[in-house]
Amino acid sequence: QLQLVESGGGLVQPGGSLRLSCAASKFTLAYYTIGWFRQAPGKEREGVSCISSSGTYTNYTDSVKGRFTISRDNAKNTVTLQMNSLKPEDTAVYYCAADAAPFTTDMCVVSFMDYWGQGTQVTVSS
């Protein structure tokens, strides 16, 4: 069973930055499409960004384009979400998820992912 662990969440002021990391033990992430998802209170979980197994392909939800960057280092077995220019509406629990299927532009949705981390809280507030 692939186990994912997120880290890097916290409290940040509007306009600030955070860097989230997703790591796995005992399994190599290099074989998986990885996605970052988030769930705000009272809202459904939504896809934020996904990246192909090689890192060649990425996609982003419209609300984070130009502010968030997803990347991966398969040698270090980690996937990172760099979040800049954070807004209060970015406040949510952020989850890392994985799927063994090859990347497609429409797969960054909750129903597609097979493995999930426990989540890390991101709070953007002054």
Foldseek 3Di string as FASTA:
>chain_A
DWEKAKDWADEAAQQAKIKMKIATPPDQQLQKWKWKWWDDPPGDIFTAKIAWSVRPDMDGDPVQPPFWDWGDDRVRRMIMIIGGRDDQVVWTWMKMFIDNDGDDPPQRGPVNTDYIYPTDTHGYHD
